[in-house]
PDB file of all heavy atoms in Angstrom:
ATOM      1  N   GLU A   1       0.812  -1.223   0.000  1.00  0.00           N
ATOM      2  CA  GLU A   1       0.000   0.000   0.000  1.00  0.00           C
ATOM      3  C   GLU A   1       0.841   1.266   0.000  1.00  0.00           C
ATOM      4  O   GLU A   1       0.347   2.352  -0.332  1.00  0.00           O
ATOM      5  CB  GLU A   1      -0.960   0.012   1.197  1.00  0.00           C
ATOM      6  CG  GLU A   1      -0.296   0.000   2.567  1.00  0.00           C
ATOM      7  CD  GLU A   1       0.014  -1.410   3.064  1.00  0.00           C
ATOM      8  OE1 GLU A   1      -0.078  -2.364   2.258  1.00  0.00           O
ATOM      9  OE2 GLU A   1       0.347  -1.553   4.260  1.00  0.00           O
ATOM     10  N   ASN A   2       2.128   1.157   0.332  1.00  0.00           N
ATOM     11  CA  ASN A   2       3.046   2.301   0.267  1.00  0.00           C
ATOM     12  C   ASN A   2       3.859   2.314  -1.023  1.00  0.00           C
ATOM     13  O   ASN A   2       4.831   3.056  -1.144  1.00  0.00           O
ATOM     14  CB  ASN A   2       3.987   2.275   1.472  1.00  0.00           C
ATOM     15  CG  ASN A   2       3.237   2.415   2.785  1.00  0.00           C
ATOM     16  OD1 ASN A   2       2.367   3.270   2.914  1.00  0.00           O
ATOM     17  ND2 ASN A   2       3.558   1.566   3.755  1.00  0.00           N
ATOM     18  N   LEU A   3       3.461   1.470  -1.975  1.00  0.00           N
ATOM     19  CA  LEU A   3       4.099   1.366  -3.295  1.00  0.00           C
ATOM     20  C   LEU A   3       5.525   0.834  -3.216  1.00  0.00           C
ATOM     21  O   LEU A   3       6.332   1.070  -4.116  1.00  0.00           O
ATOM     22  CB  LEU A   3       4.066   2.713  -4.040  1.00  0.00           C
ATOM     23  CG  LEU A   3       2.689   3.376  -4.182  1.00  0.00           C
ATOM     24  CD1 LEU A   3       2.808   4.668  -4.976  1.00  0.00           C
ATOM     25  CD2 LEU A   3       1.696   2.437  -4.844  1.00  0.00           C
ATOM     26  N   LYS A   4       5.842   0.110  -2.153  1.00  0.00           N
ATOM     27  CA  LYS A   4       7.154  -0.518  -2.004  1.00  0.00           C
ATOM     28  C   LYS A   4       7.092  -1.956  -2.520  1.00  0.00           C
ATOM     29  O   LYS A   4       6.163  -2.704  -2.181  1.00  0.00           O
ATOM     30  CB  LYS A   4       7.589  -0.524  -0.539  1.00  0.00           C
ATOM     31  CG  LYS A   4       7.699   0.867   0.086  1.00  0.00           C
ATOM     32  CD  LYS A   4       8.763   1.709  -0.589  1.00  0.00           C
ATOM     33  CE  LYS A   4       8.912   3.061   0.098  1.00  0.00           C
ATOM     34  NZ  LYS A   4       9.899   3.918  -0.605  1.00  0.00           N
ATOM     35  N   PRO A   5       8.076  -2.373  -3.343  1.00  0.00           N
ATOM     36  CA  PRO A   5       8.040  -3.728  -3.908  1.00  0.00           C
ATOM     37  C   PRO A   5       8.103  -4.811  -2.828  1.00  0.00           C
ATOM     38  O   PRO A   5       8.813  -4.673  -1.831  1.00  0.00           O
ATOM     39  CB  PRO A   5       9.288  -3.775  -4.795  1.00  0.00           C
ATOM     40  CG  PRO A   5       9.628  -2.346  -5.081  1.00  0.00           C
ATOM     41  CD  PRO A   5       9.206  -1.581  -3.862  1.00  0.00           C
ATOM     42  N   ILE A   6       7.352  -5.875  -3.056  1.00  0.00           N
ATOM     43  CA  ILE A   6       7.403  -7.058  -2.195  1.00  0.00           C
ATOM     44  C   ILE A   6       8.301  -8.064  -2.914  1.00  0.00           C
ATOM     45  O   ILE A   6       7.849  -8.864  -3.739  1.00  0.00           O
ATOM     46  CB  ILE A   6       5.990  -7.625  -1.958  1.00  0.00           C
ATOM     47  CG1 ILE A   6       5.056  -6.524  -1.413  1.00  0.00           C
ATOM     48  CG2 ILE A   6       6.039  -8.813  -1.004  1.00  0.00           C
ATOM     49  CD1 ILE A   6       3.595  -6.935  -1.337  1.00  0.00           C
ATOM     50  N   PHE A   7       9.602  -8.029  -2.617  1.00  0.00           N
ATOM     51  CA  PHE A   7      10.590  -8.766  -3.402  1.00  0.00           C
ATOM     52  C   PHE A   7      10.410 -10.282  -3.303  1.00  0.00           C
ATOM     53  O   PHE A   7      10.706 -11.012  -4.253  1.00  0.00           O
ATOM     54  CB  PHE A   7      12.004  -8.374  -2.963  1.00  0.00           C
ATOM     55  CG  PHE A   7      12.390  -6.983  -3.378  1.00  0.00           C
ATOM     56  CD1 PHE A   7      12.318  -5.930  -2.475  1.00  0.00           C
ATOM     57  CD2 PHE A   7      12.816  -6.721  -4.669  1.00  0.00           C
ATOM     58  CE1 PHE A   7      12.662  -4.640  -2.853  1.00  0.00           C
ATOM     59  CE2 PHE A   7      13.166  -5.442  -5.053  1.00  0.00           C
ATOM     60  CZ  PHE A   7      13.089  -4.393  -4.146  1.00  0.00           C
ATOM     61  N   GLU A   8       9.923 -10.768  -2.155  1.00  0.00           N
ATOM     62  CA  GLU A   8       9.784 -12.221  -2.003  1.00  0.00           C
ATOM     63  C   GLU A   8       8.693 -12.789  -2.918  1.00  0.00           C
ATOM     64  O   GLU A   8       8.614 -14.007  -3.107  1.00  0.00           O
ATOM     65  CB  GLU A   8       9.499 -12.585  -0.556  1.00  0.00           C
ATOM     66  CG  GLU A   8       8.284 -11.921   0.066  1.00  0.00           C
ATOM     67  CD  GLU A   8       8.613 -10.602   0.760  1.00  0.00           C
ATOM     68  OE1 GLU A   8       9.630  -9.971   0.383  1.00  0.00           O
ATOM     69  OE2 GLU A   8       7.869 -10.234   1.677  1.00  0.00           O
ATOM     70  N   LYS A   9       7.872 -11.930  -3.510  1.00  0.00           N
ATOM     71  CA  LYS A   9       6.835 -12.381  -4.443  1.00  0.00           C
ATOM     72  C   LYS A   9       7.187 -12.044  -5.894  1.00  0.00           C
ATOM     73  O   LYS A   9       6.327 -12.087  -6.770  1.00  0.00           O
ATOM     74  CB  LYS A   9       5.490 -11.755  -4.080  1.00  0.00           C
ATOM     75  CG  LYS A   9       4.932 -12.212  -2.741  1.00  0.00           C
ATOM     76  CD  LYS A   9       3.548 -11.636  -2.488  1.00  0.00           C
ATOM     77  CE  LYS A   9       2.985 -12.125  -1.165  1.00  0.00           C
ATOM     78  NZ  LYS A   9       1.616 -11.593  -0.913  1.00  0.00           N
ATOM     79  N   SER A  10       8.444 -11.719  -6.148  1.00  0.00           N
ATOM     80  CA  SER A  10       8.853 -11.338  -7.504  1.00  0.00           C
ATOM     81  C   SER A  10       8.830 -12.533  -8.449  1.00  0.00           C
ATOM     82  O   SER A  10       8.892 -13.695  -8.013  1.00  0.00           O
ATOM     83  CB  SER A  10      10.250 -10.714  -7.472  1.00  0.00           C
ATOM     84  OG  SER A  10      11.206 -11.665  -7.067  1.00  0.00           O
ATOM     85  N   PHE A  11       8.736 -12.238  -9.741  1.00  0.00           N
ATOM     86  CA  PHE A  11       8.733 -13.280 -10.771  1.00  0.00           C
ATOM     87  C   PHE A  11       9.352 -12.703 -12.044  1.00  0.00           C
ATOM     88  O   PHE A  11       9.386 -11.482 -12.235  1.00  0.00           O
ATOM     89  CB  PHE A  11       7.316 -13.787 -11.044  1.00  0.00           C
ATOM     90  CG  PHE A  11       6.329 -12.705 -11.414  1.00  0.00           C
ATOM     91  CD1 PHE A  11       6.056 -12.391 -12.744  1.00  0.00           C
ATOM     92  CD2 PHE A  11       5.662 -11.991 -10.418  1.00  0.00           C
ATOM     93  CE1 PHE A  11       5.143 -11.405 -13.073  1.00  0.00           C
ATOM     94  CE2 PHE A  11       4.748 -10.985 -10.742  1.00  0.00           C
ATOM     95  CZ  PHE A  11       4.491 -10.690 -12.070  1.00  0.00           C
ATOM     96  N   ASN A  12       9.848 -13.586 -12.900  1.00  0.00           N
ATOM     97  CA  ASN A  12      10.520 -13.168 -14.126  1.00  0.00           C
ATOM     98  C   ASN A  12       9.557 -13.180 -15.315  1.00  0.00           C
ATOM     99  O   ASN A  12       8.690 -14.056 -15.414  1.00  0.00           O
ATOM    100  CB  ASN A  12      11.717 -14.063 -14.437  1.00  0.00           C
ATOM    101  CG  ASN A  12      12.875 -13.842 -13.478  1.00  0.00           C
ATOM    102  OD1 ASN A  12      12.845 -12.907 -12.666  1.00  0.00           O
ATOM    103  ND2 ASN A  12      13.886 -14.682 -13.549  1.00  0.00           N
ATOM    104  N   LEU A  13       9.739 -12.208 -16.197  1.00  0.00           N
ATOM    105  CA  LEU A  13       9.024 -12.163 -17.467  1.00  0.00           C
ATOM    106  C   LEU A  13      10.057 -12.092 -18.587  1.00  0.00           C
ATOM    107  O   LEU A  13      10.943 -11.237 -18.564  1.00  0.00           O
ATOM    108  CB  LEU A  13       8.105 -10.938 -17.535  1.00  0.00           C
ATOM    109  CG  LEU A  13       6.869 -10.942 -16.620  1.00  0.00           C
ATOM    110  CD1 LEU A  13       6.225  -9.562 -16.600  1.00  0.00           C
ATOM    111  CD2 LEU A  13       5.854 -11.989 -17.081  1.00  0.00           C
ATOM    112  N   SER A  14       9.940 -12.985 -19.549  1.00  0.00           N
ATOM    113  CA  SER A  14      10.873 -13.002 -20.675  1.00  0.00           C
ATOM    114  C   SER A  14      10.483 -11.942 -21.698  1.00  0.00           C
ATOM    115  O   SER A  14       9.303 -11.803 -22.049  1.00  0.00           O
ATOM    116  CB  SER A  14      10.864 -14.385 -21.327  1.00  0.00           C
ATOM    117  OG  SER A  14      11.637 -14.378 -22.513  1.00  0.00           O
ATOM    118  N   CYS A  15      11.465 -11.161 -22.164  1.00  0.00           N
ATOM    119  CA  CYS A  15      11.213 -10.165 -23.208  1.00  0.00           C
ATOM    120  C   CYS A  15      12.540  -9.663 -23.752  1.00  0.00           C
ATOM    121  O   CYS A  15      13.574  -9.741 -23.075  1.00  0.00           O
ATOM    122  CB  CYS A  15      10.392  -8.988 -22.678  1.00  0.00           C
ATOM    123  SG  CYS A  15      11.241  -8.007 -21.415  1.00  0.00           S
ATOM    124  N   ASP A  16      12.519  -9.169 -24.991  1.00  0.00           N
ATOM    125  CA  ASP A  16      13.700  -8.489 -25.524  1.00  0.00           C
ATOM    126  C   ASP A  16      13.410  -7.008 -25.754  1.00  0.00           C
ATOM    127  O   ASP A  16      14.224  -6.286 -26.329  1.00  0.00           O
ATOM    128  CB  ASP A  16      14.185  -9.157 -26.820  1.00  0.00           C
ATOM    129  CG  ASP A  16      13.207  -9.011 -27.976  1.00  0.00           C
ATOM    130  OD1 ASP A  16      12.076  -8.515 -27.754  1.00  0.00           O
ATOM    131  OD2 ASP A  16      13.565  -9.400 -29.103  1.00  0.00           O
ATOM    132  N   THR A  17      12.225  -6.560 -25.288  1.00  0.00           N
ATOM    133  CA  THR A  17      11.826  -5.160 -25.433  1.00  0.00           C
ATOM    134  C   THR A  17      11.038  -4.746 -24.200  1.00  0.00           C
ATOM    135  O   THR A  17      10.058  -5.406 -23.842  1.00  0.00           O
ATOM    136  CB  THR A  17      10.949  -4.962 -26.693  1.00  0.00           C
ATOM    137  OG1 THR A  17      11.649  -5.441 -27.836  1.00  0.00           O
ATOM    138  CG2 THR A  17      10.606  -3.487 -26.887  1.00  0.00           C
ATOM    139  N   LEU A  18      11.475  -3.677 -23.544  1.00  0.00           N
ATOM    140  CA  LEU A  18      10.737  -3.089 -22.421  1.00  0.00           C
ATOM    141  C   LEU A  18      10.284  -1.701 -22.833  1.00  0.00           C
ATOM    142  O   LEU A  18      11.100  -0.874 -23.248  1.00  0.00           O
ATOM    143  CB  LEU A  18      11.611  -3.009 -21.170  1.00  0.00           C
ATOM    144  CG  LEU A  18      10.977  -2.302 -19.955  1.00  0.00           C
ATOM    145  CD1 LEU A  18       9.753  -3.063 -19.456  1.00  0.00           C
ATOM    146  CD2 LEU A  18      11.998  -2.135 -18.827  1.00  0.00           C
ATOM    147  N   ILE A  19       8.980  -1.474 -22.726  1.00  0.00           N
ATOM    148  CA  ILE A  19       8.395  -0.202 -23.155  1.00  0.00           C
ATOM    149  C   ILE A  19       7.892   0.543 -21.923  1.00  0.00           C
ATOM    150  O   ILE A  19       7.140  -0.006 -21.114  1.00  0.00           O
ATOM    151  CB  ILE A  19       7.245  -0.442 -24.149  1.00  0.00           C
ATOM    152  CG1 ILE A  19       7.774  -1.191 -25.384  1.00  0.00           C
ATOM    153  CG2 ILE A  19       6.593   0.868 -24.560  1.00  0.00           C
ATOM    154  CD1 ILE A  19       6.692  -1.690 -26.309  1.00  0.00           C
ATOM    155  N   LEU A  20       8.325   1.794 -21.788  1.00  0.00           N
ATOM    156  CA  LEU A  20       7.962   2.611 -20.632  1.00  0.00           C
ATOM    157  C   LEU A  20       6.830   3.564 -20.993  1.00  0.00           C
ATOM    158  O   LEU A  20       6.943   4.358 -21.930  1.00  0.00           O
ATOM    159  CB  LEU A  20       9.172   3.415 -20.155  1.00  0.00           C
ATOM    160  CG  LEU A  20      10.445   2.616 -19.852  1.00  0.00           C
ATOM    161  CD1 LEU A  20      11.558   3.560 -19.425  1.00  0.00           C
ATOM    162  CD2 LEU A  20      10.188   1.560 -18.791  1.00  0.00           C
ATOM    163  N   SER A  21       5.741   3.476 -20.239  1.00  0.00           N
ATOM    164  CA  SER A  21       4.615   4.395 -20.403  1.00  0.00           C
ATOM    165  C   SER A  21       4.294   4.945 -19.015  1.00  0.00           C
ATOM    166  O   SER A  21       3.269   4.631 -18.412  1.00  0.00           O
ATOM    167  CB  SER A  21       3.411   3.662 -21.001  1.00  0.00           C
ATOM    168  OG  SER A  21       2.315   4.531 -21.185  1.00  0.00           O
ATOM    169  N   VAL A  22       5.225   5.744 -18.498  1.00  0.00           N
ATOM    170  CA  VAL A  22       5.212   6.104 -17.075  1.00  0.00           C
ATOM    171  C   VAL A  22       4.993   7.599 -16.843  1.00  0.00           C
ATOM    172  O   VAL A  22       5.423   8.147 -15.838  1.00  0.00           O
ATOM    173  CB  VAL A  22       6.525   5.644 -16.403  1.00  0.00           C
ATOM    174  CG1 VAL A  22       6.571   4.137 -16.332  1.00  0.00           C
ATOM    175  CG2 VAL A  22       7.752   6.178 -17.141  1.00  0.00           C
ATOM    176  N   GLY A  23       4.299   8.240 -17.761  1.00  0.00           N
ATOM    177  CA  GLY A  23       3.933   9.625 -17.519  1.00  0.00           C
ATOM    178  C   GLY A  23       4.493  10.600 -18.524  1.00  0.00           C
ATOM    179  O   GLY A  23       5.454  10.312 -19.236  1.00  0.00           O
ATOM    180  N   LEU A  24       3.875  11.770 -18.572  1.00  0.00           N
ATOM    181  CA  LEU A  24       4.249  12.850 -19.477  1.00  0.00           C
ATOM    182  C   LEU A  24       4.557  14.101 -18.669  1.00  0.00           C
ATOM    183  O   LEU A  24       3.927  14.355 -17.638  1.00  0.00           O
ATOM    184  CB  LEU A  24       3.127  13.121 -20.476  1.00  0.00           C
ATOM    185  CG  LEU A  24       2.729  11.939 -21.368  1.00  0.00           C
ATOM    186  CD1 LEU A  24       1.412  12.224 -22.087  1.00  0.00           C
ATOM    187  CD2 LEU A  24       3.822  11.628 -22.375  1.00  0.00           C
ATOM    188  N   ILE A  25       5.513  14.878 -19.153  1.00  0.00           N
ATOM    189  CA  ILE A  25       5.951  16.083 -18.458  1.00  0.00           C
ATOM    190  C   ILE A  25       5.798  17.270 -19.402  1.00  0.00           C
ATOM    191  O   ILE A  25       6.390  17.286 -20.484  1.00  0.00           O
ATOM    192  CB  ILE A  25       7.433  15.975 -18.030  1.00  0.00           C
ATOM    193  CG1 ILE A  25       7.660  14.709 -17.204  1.00  0.00           C
ATOM    194  CG2 ILE A  25       7.868  17.222 -17.264  1.00  0.00           C
ATOM    195  CD1 ILE A  25       9.130  14.389 -16.991  1.00  0.00           C
ATOM    196  N   PRO A  26       4.989  18.285 -19.060  1.00  0.00           N
ATOM    197  CA  PRO A  26       4.882  19.467 -19.915  1.00  0.00           C
ATOM    198  C   PRO A  26       6.244  20.117 -20.169  1.00  0.00           C
ATOM    199  O   PRO A  26       7.071  20.220 -19.264  1.00  0.00           O
ATOM    200  CB  PRO A  26       3.962  20.399 -19.113  1.00  0.00           C
ATOM    201  CG  PRO A  26       3.129  19.469 -18.282  1.00  0.00           C
ATOM    202  CD  PRO A  26       4.069  18.344 -17.906  1.00  0.00           C
ATOM    203  N   GLU A  27       6.466  20.549 -21.412  1.00  0.00           N
ATOM    204  CA  GLU A  27       7.738  21.165 -21.831  1.00  0.00           C
ATOM    205  C   GLU A  27       7.731  22.650 -21.475  1.00  0.00           C
ATOM    206  O   GLU A  27       7.210  23.466 -22.238  1.00  0.00           O
ATOM    207  CB  GLU A  27       7.907  21.012 -23.345  1.00  0.00           C
ATOM    208  CG  GLU A  27       8.206  19.605 -23.802  1.00  0.00           C
ATOM    209  CD  GLU A  27       9.691  19.378 -24.032  1.00  0.00           C
ATOM    210  OE1 GLU A  27      10.499  20.178 -23.525  1.00  0.00           O
ATOM    211  OE2 GLU A  27      10.029  18.420 -24.724  1.00  0.00           O
ATOM    212  N   ASN A  28       8.317  23.013 -20.347  1.00  0.00           N
ATOM    213  CA  ASN A  28       8.188  24.395 -19.885  1.00  0.00           C
ATOM    214  C   ASN A  28       9.508  25.097 -19.607  1.00  0.00           C
ATOM    215  O   ASN A  28       9.555  26.070 -18.854  1.00  0.00           O
ATOM    216  CB  ASN A  28       7.293  24.437 -18.646  1.00  0.00           C
ATOM    217  CG  ASN A  28       5.825  24.517 -19.025  1.00  0.00           C
ATOM    218  OD1 ASN A  28       5.376  25.510 -19.596  1.00  0.00           O
ATOM    219  ND2 ASN A  28       5.078  23.467 -18.735  1.00  0.00           N
ATOM    220  N   GLU A  29      10.575  24.632 -20.251  1.00  0.00           N
ATOM    221  CA  GLU A  29      11.853  25.333 -20.090  1.00  0.00           C
ATOM    222  C   GLU A  29      11.751  26.775 -20.592  1.00  0.00           C
ATOM    223  O   GLU A  29      12.268  27.716 -19.960  1.00  0.00           O
ATOM    224  CB  GLU A  29      12.957  24.579 -20.825  1.00  0.00           C
ATOM    225  CG  GLU A  29      13.391  23.287 -20.147  1.00  0.00           C
ATOM    226  CD  GLU A  29      12.391  22.153 -20.287  1.00  0.00           C
ATOM    227  OE1 GLU A  29      11.496  22.248 -21.163  1.00  0.00           O
ATOM    228  OE2 GLU A  29      12.494  21.181 -19.528  1.00  0.00           O
ATOM    229  N   LEU A  30      11.084  26.976 -21.726  1.00  0.00           N
ATOM    230  CA  LEU A  30      10.918  28.339 -22.251  1.00  0.00           C
ATOM    231  C   LEU A  30      10.032  29.176 -21.339  1.00  0.00           C
ATOM    232  O   LEU A  30      10.269  30.372 -21.152  1.00  0.00           O
ATOM    233  CB  LEU A  30      10.325  28.291 -23.666  1.00  0.00           C
ATOM    234  CG  LEU A  30      11.211  27.722 -24.767  1.00  0.00           C
ATOM    235  CD1 LEU A  30      10.439  27.618 -26.076  1.00  0.00           C
ATOM    236  CD2 LEU A  30      12.453  28.593 -24.967  1.00  0.00           C
ATOM    237  N   SER A  31       9.009  28.553 -20.769  1.00  0.00           N
ATOM    238  CA  SER A  31       8.113  29.274 -19.855  1.00  0.00           C
ATOM    239  C   SER A  31       8.895  29.828 -18.666  1.00  0.00           C
ATOM    240  O   SER A  31       8.695  30.984 -18.248  1.00  0.00           O
ATOM    241  CB  SER A  31       7.003  28.343 -19.365  1.00  0.00           C
ATOM    242  OG  SER A  31       6.354  27.703 -20.439  1.00  0.00           O
ATOM    243  N   LEU A  32       9.793  29.016 -18.115  1.00  0.00           N
ATOM    244  CA  LEU A  32      10.595  29.462 -16.977  1.00  0.00           C
ATOM    245  C   LEU A  32      11.509  30.613 -17.355  1.00  0.00           C
ATOM    246  O   LEU A  32      11.755  31.515 -16.541  1.00  0.00           O
ATOM    247  CB  LEU A  32      11.410  28.289 -16.433  1.00  0.00           C
ATOM    248  CG  LEU A  32      10.600  27.181 -15.734  1.00  0.00           C
ATOM    249  CD1 LEU A  32      11.484  25.984 -15.427  1.00  0.00           C
ATOM    250  CD2 LEU A  32       9.955  27.708 -14.455  1.00  0.00           C
ATOM    251  N   MET A  33      12.035  30.594 -18.592  1.00  0.00           N
ATOM    252  CA  MET A  33      12.876  31.708 -19.049  1.00  0.00           C
ATOM    253  C   MET A  33      12.137  33.038 -18.962  1.00  0.00           C
ATOM    254  O   MET A  33      12.731  34.077 -18.659  1.00  0.00           O
ATOM    255  CB  MET A  33      13.313  31.486 -20.500  1.00  0.00           C
ATOM    256  CG  MET A  33      14.382  30.457 -20.706  1.00  0.00           C
ATOM    257  SD  MET A  33      14.846  30.435 -22.462  1.00  0.00           S
ATOM    258  CE  MET A  33      16.018  29.085 -22.460  1.00  0.00           C
ATOM    259  N   ALA A  34      10.836  33.009 -19.240  1.00  0.00           N
ATOM    260  CA  ALA A  34      10.045  34.238 -19.248  1.00  0.00           C
ATOM    261  C   ALA A  34       9.507  34.594 -17.867  1.00  0.00           C
ATOM    262  O   ALA A  34       8.801  35.590 -17.722  1.00  0.00           O
ATOM    263  CB  ALA A  34       8.888  34.099 -20.234  1.00  0.00           C
ATOM    264  N   GLY A  35       9.826  33.789 -16.853  1.00  0.00           N
ATOM    265  CA  GLY A  35       9.361  34.077 -15.504  1.00  0.00           C
ATOM    266  C   GLY A  35       7.944  33.646 -15.221  1.00  0.00           C
ATOM    267  O   GLY A  35       7.316  34.122 -14.272  1.00  0.00           O
ATOM    268  N   VAL A  36       7.417  32.711 -16.024  1.00  0.00           N
ATOM    269  CA  VAL A  36       6.055  32.225 -15.838  1.00  0.00           C
ATOM    270  C   VAL A  36       6.003  31.308 -14.620  1.00  0.00           C
ATOM    271  O   VAL A  36       6.849  30.423 -14.445  1.00  0.00           O
ATOM    272  CB  VAL A  36       5.581  31.471 -17.098  1.00  0.00           C
ATOM    273  CG1 VAL A  36       4.284  30.723 -16.844  1.00  0.00           C
ATOM    274  CG2 VAL A  36       5.413  32.446 -18.260  1.00  0.00           C
ATOM    275  N   GLU A  37       4.993  31.485 -13.772  1.00  0.00           N
ATOM    276  CA  GLU A  37       4.810  30.624 -12.607  1.00  0.00           C
ATOM    277  C   GLU A  37       4.253  29.276 -13.045  1.00  0.00           C
ATOM    278  O   GLU A  37       3.295  29.214 -13.831  1.00  0.00           O
ATOM    279  CB  GLU A  37       3.846  31.278 -11.613  1.00  0.00           C
ATOM    280  CG  GLU A  37       3.586  30.430 -10.366  1.00  0.00           C
ATOM    281  CD  GLU A  37       2.499  30.999  -9.473  1.00  0.00           C
ATOM    282  OE1 GLU A  37       2.061  32.151  -9.692  1.00  0.00           O
ATOM    283  OE2 GLU A  37       2.058  30.273  -8.542  1.00  0.00           O
ATOM    284  N   LEU A  38       4.824  28.181 -12.523  1.00  0.00           N
ATOM    285  CA  LEU A  38       4.352  26.845 -12.845  1.00  0.00           C
ATOM    286  C   LEU A  38       3.574  26.252 -11.677  1.00  0.00           C
ATOM    287  O   LEU A  38       3.887  26.501 -10.516  1.00  0.00           O
ATOM    288  CB  LEU A  38       5.523  25.921 -13.192  1.00  0.00           C
ATOM    289  CG  LEU A  38       6.395  26.293 -14.395  1.00  0.00           C
ATOM    290  CD1 LEU A  38       7.387  25.177 -14.685  1.00  0.00           C
ATOM    291  CD2 LEU A  38       5.556  26.605 -15.622  1.00  0.00           C
ATOM    292  N   ASP A  39       2.560  25.457 -12.015  1.00  0.00           N
ATOM    293  CA  ASP A  39       1.785  24.728 -11.014  1.00  0.00           C
ATOM    294  C   ASP A  39       2.570  23.468 -10.645  1.00  0.00           C
ATOM    295  O   ASP A  39       2.882  22.658 -11.521  1.00  0.00           O
ATOM    296  CB  ASP A  39       0.422  24.352 -11.606  1.00  0.00           C
ATOM    297  CG  ASP A  39      -0.501  23.686 -10.600  1.00  0.00           C
ATOM    298  OD1 ASP A  39      -0.023  22.838  -9.812  1.00  0.00           O
ATOM    299  OD2 ASP A  39      -1.706  23.988 -10.599  1.00  0.00           O
ATOM    300  N   PRO A  40       2.900  23.260  -9.369  1.00  0.00           N
ATOM    301  CA  PRO A  40       3.708  22.081  -9.000  1.00  0.00           C
ATOM    302  C   PRO A  40       2.986  20.756  -9.222  1.00  0.00           C
ATOM    303  O   PRO A  40       3.639  19.713  -9.301  1.00  0.00           O
ATOM    304  CB  PRO A  40       3.995  22.306  -7.509  1.00  0.00           C
ATOM    305  CG  PRO A  40       2.919  23.224  -7.041  1.00  0.00           C
ATOM    306  CD  PRO A  40       2.588  24.104  -8.206  1.00  0.00           C
ATOM    307  N   ILE A  41       1.674  20.767  -9.342  1.00  0.00           N
ATOM    308  CA  ILE A  41       0.918  19.530  -9.558  1.00  0.00           C
ATOM    309  C   ILE A  41       0.864  19.175 -11.042  1.00  0.00           C
ATOM    310  O   ILE A  41       1.202  18.058 -11.446  1.00  0.00           O
ATOM    311  CB  ILE A  41      -0.508  19.640  -8.990  1.00  0.00           C
ATOM    312  CG1 ILE A  41      -0.456  19.950  -7.487  1.00  0.00           C
ATOM    313  CG2 ILE A  41      -1.289  18.354  -9.261  1.00  0.00           C
ATOM    314  CD1 ILE A  41       0.216  18.879  -6.662  1.00  0.00           C
ATOM    315  N   THR A  42       0.448  20.102 -11.898  1.00  0.00           N
ATOM    316  CA  THR A  42       0.327  19.810 -13.334  1.00  0.00           C
ATOM    317  C   THR A  42       1.667  19.899 -14.052  1.00  0.00           C
ATOM    318  O   THR A  42       1.844  19.288 -15.105  1.00  0.00           O
ATOM    319  CB  THR A  42      -0.647  20.785 -14.005  1.00  0.00           C
ATOM    320  OG1 THR A  42      -0.107  22.130 -13.931  1.00  0.00           O
ATOM    321  CG2 THR A  42      -2.011  20.759 -13.332  1.00  0.00           C
TER     322      THR A  42
END
């Protein structure tokens, strides 16, 4: 429930490709240059 792995219950999956779909991050480097305030949540 704390999102910590339970290692004693681990198992192997065979693959030659691992695909990550773990979130998107807004591209705001330019926004920061202009002094725009960012929302820490979004």
